[in-house]
Protein backbone atom coordinates (compact mmCIF):
# COMPACT_ATOMS: atom_id res chain seq x y z
CA MET A 1 25.96 129.79 -2.81
CA THR A 2 27.72 132.60 -0.97
CA PRO A 3 29.51 132.28 2.30
CA GLY A 4 26.12 134.11 4.16
CA ALA A 5 23.57 131.59 1.99
CA ARG A 6 25.76 128.81 3.55
CA VAL A 7 25.29 129.67 6.77
CA GLU A 8 21.83 130.67 6.24
CA ALA A 9 21.15 126.55 4.77
CA THR A 10 22.80 125.24 7.62
CA ILE A 11 20.43 126.91 10.31
CA GLU A 12 17.94 126.20 8.11
CA LEU A 13 18.74 122.65 8.58
CA LEU A 14 19.89 122.35 11.97
CA THR A 15 16.08 123.81 13.08
CA ALA A 16 14.12 121.17 10.58
CA ILE A 17 16.45 118.40 12.43
CA ASP A 18 15.53 119.58 15.58
CA ALA A 19 11.85 119.47 14.95
CA ASP A 20 11.45 116.11 12.91
CA ASP A 21 12.30 112.56 13.71
CA GLN A 22 13.88 111.96 10.29
CA ALA A 23 17.31 111.24 10.06
CA PRO A 24 19.63 114.20 8.95
CA ASP A 25 20.59 113.23 6.17
CA GLN A 26 17.50 112.38 4.75
CA ILE A 27 16.55 116.00 6.12
CA ILE A 28 19.74 117.47 4.18
CA ASP A 29 18.71 115.34 0.95
CA GLY A 30 15.45 116.42 0.44
CA TYR A 31 16.49 120.18 1.61
CA PHE A 32 18.63 120.25 -1.33
CA ARG A 33 16.26 118.38 -3.94
CA SER A 34 14.29 121.12 -3.86
CA ARG A 35 17.24 123.95 -4.56
CA ARG A 36 18.75 122.92 -7.91
CA TYR A 37 20.60 125.88 -7.96
CA ALA A 38 23.10 124.64 -4.97
CA GLY A 39 25.97 122.96 -6.66
CA SER A 40 27.64 119.88 -5.14
CA GLY A 41 30.04 122.29 -2.80
CA ASP A 42 27.73 123.98 -1.27
CA ARG A 43 25.96 120.47 -0.47
CA ARG A 44 29.41 119.06 0.73
CA ASP A 45 30.32 122.32 2.56
CA VAL A 46 26.98 123.11 4.34
CA GLY A 47 25.90 119.14 5.43
CA GLY A 48 29.36 118.98 6.75
CA ARG A 49 28.85 122.03 9.14
CA VAL A 50 25.36 120.62 10.16
CA TYR A 51 26.99 117.63 11.00
CA ASP A 52 29.79 119.52 12.98
CA VAL A 53 27.18 121.42 14.70
CA LEU A 54 25.41 118.20 15.86
CA ARG A 55 28.34 116.74 16.98
CA ARG A 56 29.59 119.84 19.32
CA ARG A 57 26.34 120.83 20.29
CA ALA A 58 26.65 120.22 24.39
CA LYS A 59 29.67 121.88 24.08
CA LEU A 60 28.50 124.97 21.81
CA ASP A 61 25.35 125.15 24.71
CA TRP A 62 27.82 125.16 27.35
CA TRP A 63 29.71 128.07 25.95
CA ILE A 64 26.00 130.07 25.05
CA GLU A 65 25.11 129.27 29.10
CA ARG A 66 28.43 130.08 30.21
CA THR A 67 28.85 133.90 28.47
CA GLY A 68 25.98 134.74 31.16
CA LEU A 69 23.50 136.74 28.81
CA SER A 70 20.24 134.60 29.46
CA LEU A 71 19.99 133.58 25.75
CA GLU A 72 17.49 130.55 24.92
CA THR A 73 19.54 128.22 22.89
CA ASN A 74 18.13 127.88 19.55
CA SER A 75 19.93 126.29 15.90
CA ARG A 76 20.65 130.18 15.00
CA LEU A 77 22.82 130.59 18.09
CA ARG A 78 24.63 127.34 17.71
CA ALA A 79 25.57 128.35 14.26
CA ILE A 80 26.80 131.51 15.52
CA SER A 81 28.95 130.04 18.74
CA PHE A 82 30.29 127.43 16.30
CA LEU A 83 31.33 129.84 13.48
CA ILE A 84 33.71 131.73 16.26
CA LEU A 85 34.96 128.65 18.07
CA GLU A 86 35.08 126.10 15.98
CA GLU A 87 36.02 128.22 12.49
CA ARG A 88 37.74 131.05 14.56
CA LYS A 89 35.84 133.50 12.47
CA SER A 90 35.89 137.22 14.12
CA LEU A 91 32.18 139.27 14.99
CA ASP A 92 33.01 141.44 11.53
CA ASP A 93 33.40 137.82 9.76
CA VAL A 94 29.91 136.70 11.11
CA LYS A 95 28.62 140.28 10.54
CA ALA A 96 29.27 140.08 6.59
CA MET A 97 27.43 136.55 6.45
CA PHE A 98 25.06 137.40 8.36
CA THR A 99 23.31 140.64 6.03
CA GLY A 100 19.74 140.01 6.23
CA THR A 101 20.21 140.03 2.00
CA ARG A 102 18.70 137.70 -0.24
CA HIS A 103 19.28 133.83 0.88
CA CYS A 104 21.46 135.40 3.78
CA PRO A 105 20.56 135.40 7.56
CA GLU A 106 18.94 138.02 9.24
CA LEU A 107 21.34 140.54 10.67
CA LEU A 108 22.64 140.11 14.23
CA SER A 109 20.64 141.54 16.95
CA ASP A 110 22.33 143.23 19.72
CA PRO A 111 22.36 140.05 22.12
CA GLU A 112 23.67 137.89 19.13
CA ALA A 113 26.66 140.59 18.62
CA GLU A 114 27.27 140.40 21.76
CA LEU A 115 27.48 136.40 22.17
CA ALA A 116 30.03 136.54 19.24
CA GLU A 117 31.89 139.34 20.90
CA ALA A 118 32.06 136.93 24.23
CA LEU A 119 33.34 133.92 22.39
CA TYR A 120 35.81 135.57 20.51
CA GLY A 121 39.12 133.99 20.84
CA ARG A 122 38.06 131.07 23.15
CA PRO A 123 38.96 127.67 22.78
CA LEU A 124 35.92 125.42 22.42
CA LEU A 125 37.54 122.86 25.00
CA ASN A 126 37.24 124.21 28.47
CA ARG A 127 38.89 122.47 31.65
CA ASP A 128 36.27 123.58 33.40
CA MET A 129 33.62 121.21 31.19
CA PRO A 130 32.40 118.34 32.99
CA ASP A 131 32.91 114.94 31.12
CA HIS A 132 29.19 114.73 29.54
CA VAL A 133 29.76 118.21 27.79
CA ARG A 134 33.03 117.34 27.12
CA LEU A 135 32.05 113.77 25.40
CA GLU A 136 28.75 114.97 24.15
CA TYR A 137 26.32 112.94 26.07
CA PRO A 138 23.03 113.74 28.14
CA GLU A 139 23.92 114.19 31.83
CA TRP A 140 21.54 111.42 32.80
CA MET A 141 23.51 108.90 30.60
CA ASP A 142 26.81 109.60 33.08
CA ARG A 143 25.88 106.59 35.49
CA PRO A 144 24.93 103.76 33.26
CA PHE A 145 27.81 104.90 30.55
CA ARG A 146 30.48 104.58 33.42
CA ALA A 147 29.21 101.51 34.69
CA LEU A 148 29.39 99.74 31.71
CA TRP A 149 32.86 101.44 30.36
CA GLY A 150 34.63 102.29 33.30
CA ASP A 151 37.89 103.92 32.66
CA LYS A 152 37.03 103.63 29.52
CA LEU A 153 34.29 105.94 28.63
CA GLU A 154 36.41 108.43 27.05
CA GLN A 155 37.93 106.25 24.46
CA GLU A 156 34.13 104.78 23.57
CA MET A 157 32.68 108.39 23.57
CA SER A 158 35.05 109.86 21.65
CA ALA A 159 34.98 106.74 18.89
CA LEU A 160 31.09 107.41 18.98
CA ASN A 161 31.53 111.23 18.07
CA GLN A 162 33.58 109.84 14.50
CA VAL A 163 32.29 109.61 11.61
CA ALA A 164 31.22 106.34 10.64
CA PRO A 165 32.27 104.78 7.39
CA LEU A 166 30.57 103.52 4.43
CA ASP A 167 30.28 99.50 4.86
CA LEU A 168 28.52 97.67 2.21
CA ARG A 169 27.14 93.53 2.23
CA VAL A 170 28.06 91.64 -0.91
CA ASN A 171 24.57 90.11 -1.98
CA THR A 172 25.85 86.48 -2.28
CA ILE A 173 22.35 86.22 -4.68
CA LYS A 174 24.24 88.33 -7.42
CA GLY A 175 27.89 87.36 -6.82
CA THR A 176 30.64 86.93 -4.64
CA PRO A 177 32.89 89.19 -2.53
CA GLU A 178 35.74 88.82 -5.06
CA ASP A 179 33.07 89.84 -7.69
CA ALA A 180 31.77 92.94 -6.36
CA LEU A 181 35.19 94.61 -5.03
CA ALA A 182 36.57 94.20 -8.58
CA ARG A 183 32.73 95.76 -10.08
CA LEU A 184 33.64 98.30 -7.82
CA GLN A 185 37.09 99.26 -8.63
CA GLU A 186 36.27 99.47 -12.10
CA ASP A 187 33.87 102.59 -11.36
CA TYR A 188 37.17 104.04 -9.48
CA ILE A 189 35.86 103.10 -6.10
CA THR A 190 38.43 102.56 -2.87
CA CYS A 191 37.76 100.02 -1.21
CA ALA A 192 38.60 96.89 0.91
CA PRO A 193 37.23 93.85 2.40
CA THR A 194 36.07 94.51 6.07
CA SER A 195 37.83 92.78 8.88
CA LEU A 196 35.25 91.09 11.11
CA SER A 197 32.11 90.00 8.52
CA PRO A 198 33.69 88.00 5.68
CA LEU A 199 30.71 89.47 2.98
CA GLY A 200 31.59 93.47 4.16
CA ILE A 201 33.44 96.09 2.03
CA ARG A 202 34.51 99.33 3.58
CA VAL A 203 34.43 102.42 1.01
CA GLU A 204 37.01 105.19 1.49
CA GLY A 205 35.83 108.56 0.86
CA LYS A 206 32.39 109.76 0.04
CA VAL A 207 31.10 108.13 -2.97
CA ARG A 208 28.14 108.81 -5.45
CA LEU A 209 27.27 104.76 -4.70
CA GLY A 210 24.14 105.35 -6.62
CA GLY A 211 25.89 105.63 -10.23
CA THR A 212 28.22 102.31 -9.83
CA ARG A 213 27.11 98.97 -11.55
CA ALA A 214 27.63 96.92 -8.47
CA PHE A 215 24.79 99.05 -6.77
CA LYS A 216 22.25 98.85 -10.08
CA GLU A 217 22.85 95.64 -10.39
CA GLY A 218 21.85 94.32 -6.78
CA LEU A 219 25.39 92.67 -6.02
CA VAL A 220 25.91 95.42 -3.11
CA GLU A 221 23.83 96.92 -0.15
CA VAL A 222 24.58 99.69 2.11
CA GLN A 223 24.98 97.91 5.84
CA ASP A 224 26.93 98.55 8.54
CA GLU A 225 29.47 95.64 9.34
CA GLY A 226 27.70 95.21 12.62
CA SER A 227 24.31 95.34 11.47
CA GLN A 228 26.02 92.24 8.86
CA LEU A 229 27.33 90.23 11.74
CA VAL A 230 24.00 90.26 13.95
CA SER A 231 22.47 89.17 10.52
CA MET A 232 25.07 86.19 9.91
CA LEU A 233 24.58 85.10 13.72
CA CYS A 234 20.95 84.24 12.90
CA GLY A 235 21.71 81.21 10.89
CA ALA A 236 19.56 81.53 8.55
CA LYS A 237 19.76 79.03 5.76
CA PRO A 238 17.94 77.26 2.46
CA GLY A 239 14.88 75.62 3.39
CA MET A 240 14.40 77.69 6.70
CA THR A 241 11.38 79.61 7.87
CA VAL A 242 12.67 82.78 9.17
CA VAL A 243 10.86 85.68 10.70
CA ASP A 244 12.32 89.08 10.89
CA TYR A 245 9.83 90.32 13.03
CA CYS A 246 10.81 94.23 13.19
CA ALA A 247 12.36 94.48 9.20
CA GLY A 248 12.22 98.32 9.19
CA ALA A 249 13.94 99.28 5.99
CA GLY A 250 14.80 95.73 5.04
CA GLY A 251 18.79 95.95 5.70
CA LYS A 252 18.62 92.47 7.50
CA THR A 253 15.97 90.73 5.65
CA LEU A 254 17.96 91.19 2.70
CA ALA A 255 20.79 89.65 4.54
CA LEU A 256 18.85 87.08 5.88
CA ALA A 257 17.53 86.41 2.01
CA ALA A 258 20.94 85.75 0.88
CA ALA A 259 21.70 83.30 3.44
CA MET A 260 18.39 81.39 2.40
CA ALA A 261 19.28 81.54 -1.21
CA ASP A 262 20.04 78.17 -3.23
CA GLU A 263 20.96 78.60 -6.95
CA GLY A 264 20.59 82.11 -7.10
CA ARG A 265 16.10 81.76 -5.61
CA LEU A 266 15.12 82.32 -2.10
CA SER A 267 14.78 78.71 -0.50
CA GLY A 268 12.04 78.17 2.60
CA ARG A 269 10.02 81.05 3.78
CA LEU A 270 11.21 84.60 5.13
CA PHE A 271 8.44 86.95 6.22
CA ALA A 272 9.13 90.81 6.74
CA LEU A 273 6.94 92.27 9.38
CA ASP A 274 6.84 95.96 10.72
CA ILE A 275 3.79 97.65 12.22
CA SER A 276 4.70 100.60 9.66
CA ARG A 277 3.15 99.31 5.97
CA TYR A 278 4.86 102.69 4.46
CA ARG A 279 8.30 100.71 5.47
CA MET A 280 7.00 97.41 3.79
CA ASP A 281 6.26 99.44 1.04
CA ARG A 282 9.08 100.96 0.62
CA MET A 283 11.43 97.95 0.54
CA THR A 284 9.77 96.82 -2.74
CA PRO A 285 12.65 98.48 -4.64
CA ARG A 286 15.56 97.04 -2.73
CA LEU A 287 14.31 93.78 -2.92
CA LYS A 288 13.65 93.35 -6.55
CA ARG A 289 17.38 95.05 -7.01
CA ALA A 290 18.35 92.31 -4.48
CA GLY A 291 16.54 89.38 -6.67
CA ALA A 292 14.56 88.70 -3.20
CA VAL A 293 11.26 89.18 -3.99
CA GLN A 294 9.74 86.40 -2.83
CA VAL A 295 9.96 87.61 0.73
CA ARG A 296 6.74 88.18 2.56
CA ARG A 297 5.79 91.22 3.78
CA ARG A 298 3.31 91.92 5.90
CA ALA A 299 2.24 95.25 8.29
CA ILE A 300 1.33 94.05 11.48
CA ALA A 301 -0.44 95.91 15.19
CA ALA A 302 1.88 96.88 17.44
CA VAL A 303 -0.11 94.80 20.01
CA ASP A 304 -2.25 91.90 19.85
CA GLU A 305 -1.89 90.71 16.37
CA PRO A 306 -4.04 87.66 15.08
CA TRP A 307 -1.11 86.33 12.72
CA VAL A 308 1.09 86.06 15.52
CA GLU A 309 -1.64 83.89 17.13
CA GLU A 310 -2.18 81.87 13.84
CA HIS A 311 1.43 81.30 13.46
CA LYS A 312 2.57 79.80 16.89
CA GLY A 313 5.48 77.83 16.91
CA PHE A 314 6.23 77.51 13.43
CA ALA A 315 9.54 79.50 12.71
CA ASP A 316 13.43 78.02 12.81
CA ARG A 317 14.76 81.73 13.56
CA VAL A 318 13.30 84.76 14.62
CA LEU A 319 15.33 87.84 14.49
CA ILE A 320 13.66 90.85 16.76
CA ASP A 321 15.85 94.16 15.72
CA VAL A 322 14.08 96.28 18.36
CA PRO A 323 13.12 99.95 18.32
CA CYS A 324 15.68 101.40 20.92
CA THR A 325 17.53 104.68 22.04
CA GLY A 326 19.65 103.89 19.15
CA THR A 327 23.14 104.92 21.27
CA GLY A 328 24.89 102.98 18.84
CA SER A 329 24.26 104.49 15.64
CA TRP A 330 25.42 108.16 17.29
CA ARG A 331 28.31 108.06 14.31
CA ARG A 332 25.21 108.31 11.67
CA ASN A 333 22.93 110.21 13.89
CA PRO A 334 24.55 112.74 16.45
CA ASP A 335 21.24 114.43 16.92
CA ALA A 336 19.69 111.50 18.21
CA ARG A 337 21.37 111.34 21.56
CA TRP A 338 19.53 114.34 22.62
CA CYS A 339 16.11 112.90 21.53
CA PHE A 340 15.70 110.89 24.75
CA THR A 341 14.97 111.01 28.52
CA PRO A 342 14.64 108.59 31.56
CA GLU A 343 10.88 108.69 31.07
CA ARG A 344 11.25 107.92 27.49
CA LEU A 345 13.70 105.19 28.00
CA ALA A 346 11.13 103.26 30.54
CA GLU A 347 8.53 103.48 27.80
CA ILE A 348 10.97 101.80 25.22
CA ARG A 349 11.51 98.97 27.24
CA GLU A 350 8.37 98.25 28.16
CA ASN A 351 7.83 98.11 24.38
CA GLN A 352 11.08 95.92 23.56
CA GLN A 353 9.56 93.53 26.39
CA ARG A 354 5.96 93.26 24.47
CA ILE A 355 7.70 92.72 21.01
CA MET A 356 9.97 90.02 22.65
CA LEU A 357 7.15 88.08 24.79
CA SER A 358 5.05 88.16 21.46
CA ALA A 359 7.81 87.04 19.10
CA ALA A 360 8.93 84.17 21.30
CA GLU A 361 5.25 82.90 20.39
CA LEU A 362 6.77 81.82 16.97
CA VAL A 363 9.37 80.25 17.50
CA LYS A 364 9.23 76.61 17.14
CA PRO A 365 11.30 74.04 19.71
CA HIS A 366 14.76 73.80 19.12
CA GLY A 367 14.16 77.07 17.06
CA ARG A 368 16.03 80.18 18.01
CA LEU A 369 14.79 83.76 18.76
CA ILE A 370 17.85 86.60 18.41
CA TYR A 371 17.53 89.52 20.30
CA VAL A 372 19.28 92.61 18.57
CA THR A 373 19.47 96.04 19.86
CA CYS A 374 21.72 99.40 18.03
CA SER A 375 21.69 100.38 21.77
CA LEU A 376 24.88 100.74 23.97
CA LEU A 377 22.68 100.63 27.07
CA GLN A 378 22.69 97.71 29.40
CA GLU A 379 18.93 98.80 30.56
CA GLU A 380 18.17 97.71 26.88
CA ASN A 381 20.46 94.62 26.49
CA GLU A 382 21.73 92.67 29.13
CA GLN A 383 19.11 93.69 31.86
CA GLN A 384 16.15 93.33 29.21
CA LEU A 385 17.60 89.62 28.57
CA ALA A 386 17.79 88.97 31.87
CA TRP A 387 14.29 89.81 32.41
CA PHE A 388 13.10 87.85 29.34
CA VAL A 389 15.10 84.17 30.70
CA GLU A 390 13.00 84.96 34.05
CA LYS A 391 9.86 84.99 32.22
CA LYS A 392 10.41 82.30 29.91
CA PRO A 393 12.67 79.86 31.37
CA GLU A 394 12.08 77.59 28.32
CA PHE A 395 14.50 79.97 26.41
CA GLN A 396 18.05 79.73 27.04
CA PRO A 397 20.80 81.68 25.69
CA ILE A 398 23.56 79.89 23.64
CA PRO A 399 27.14 81.40 24.69
CA ILE A 400 27.61 84.04 21.30
CA ASP A 401 30.90 81.84 20.82
CA GLU A 402 29.40 78.62 20.14
CA VAL A 403 26.74 81.23 17.85
CA TRP A 404 30.06 82.87 16.46
CA SER A 405 31.75 79.44 15.14
CA GLU A 406 28.41 78.02 13.41
CA THR A 407 27.93 81.07 11.36
CA VAL A 408 30.54 83.69 11.19
CA GLY A 409 33.63 81.19 11.51
CA GLY A 410 36.23 82.17 14.05
CA PRO A 411 36.28 83.61 17.39
CA PRO A 412 33.86 86.68 18.06
CA PRO A 413 36.02 90.01 18.59
CA PRO A 414 34.82 90.20 22.30
CA SER A 415 34.39 86.56 23.96
CA GLY A 416 30.99 86.25 26.19
CA PRO A 417 27.29 84.92 26.81
CA CYS A 418 26.20 88.00 24.05
CA LEU A 419 27.84 89.97 21.46
CA ARG A 420 28.23 93.53 22.29
CA LEU A 421 30.05 95.64 19.43
CA SER A 422 30.97 99.40 19.57
CA PRO A 423 32.93 101.75 17.49
CA ALA A 424 36.12 101.84 19.69
CA SER A 425 36.12 97.96 20.59
CA ALA A 426 35.14 96.21 17.04
CA GLY A 427 35.19 99.63 14.21
CA THR A 428 31.65 99.11 13.50
CA ASP A 429 28.44 101.11 15.00
CA GLY A 430 27.20 100.03 18.59
CA PHE A 431 25.09 96.59 18.67
CA PHE A 432 24.04 93.86 21.44
CA CYS A 433 23.09 90.82 19.98
CA ALA A 434 21.62 87.45 21.98
CA VAL A 435 20.51 84.41 20.62
CA LEU A 436 18.02 81.92 22.47
CA GLU A 437 16.96 78.52 21.79
CA ARG A 438 13.75 77.18 22.92
CA GLN A 439 14.68 74.23 24.71
CA ARG A 440 10.64 72.39 24.96
């Protein structure tokens, strides 16, 4: 691909990401799957630029407005601004790529050329930028983030703007961490054990994991270290009845299945529930590869699900990784930070509360409910926990130190009533986890 064609691909992908709820990596993969002429270098260059623009969107938009040209911000203007401000291209350089010829962007309009000229020589960072622009988060989140982090705001947000590492979880149904490390290294993968999860492996650089023996044979699964830890905090064991209430793509379901395995086979009953039958169906190849085909899957209704009514008080463990704003996963999905409003947050919180009340019905006396989000907002975490305990006083939180000692071993990274992880504090995605036991 020519430089101009790569820029055009960048603009097309940014436009598609703005219009679609899919994660950027899925959209990028689908885009290049239908464009076989693009080489690995093209995919790497375009994908990298797309993520770079997404991670700088607030600053780019601030500069576009700062010019006073009254331009309506879009993917094309952000790409032009990025080329000028970040890649330090000149107006002539940009014009050489925006030729309107085959696979290249259309010629610059007069206002676009004026924008490029106005931005030329400017630094991306400017001292007049407010914190929410400089640190790339929505202005309405400024108050909750400051309440949460105080003077650590810059440290925490800077970590959320970095590129996330590739973490793997060792599938103990198929082997040990030592087996997995050796197998990966045979395929020339540079990797090392993670610092917190005893089953985690962190991979260095970008790799084609799907071509490795360890992945093909189900010895490893892609799962962030933080997600591994909250799966372990469930304390699932062989012989138990366990429910993954919002199973999604099945990452935590697979981790629970491995924890419940006895002599290489799932022991007990493990249910994976989700409102999406499509997600349930997509889990099939992952379960087969992992050796966990005994998992029972069920698509359920969002409200008033009869299956829940029929199975009240039957589960030892119920994990609810509820839908949330996903603020803890911004390293992987940088565009997600612009998808939510205060009104949307209010709707999400109501949905979380419905899920908590419904899932709680499944927990037996002395069983445990594990509440998880990949959000950093207290509105979705501590405040929801306080609301639930008031509504359901028979459920009482267990100090995370005690749960961690039982399940992971040793002291947790941050001590306290609940587990709170972030890229800055733990090197993982952002997660919140509360473990509650039913007292009667």
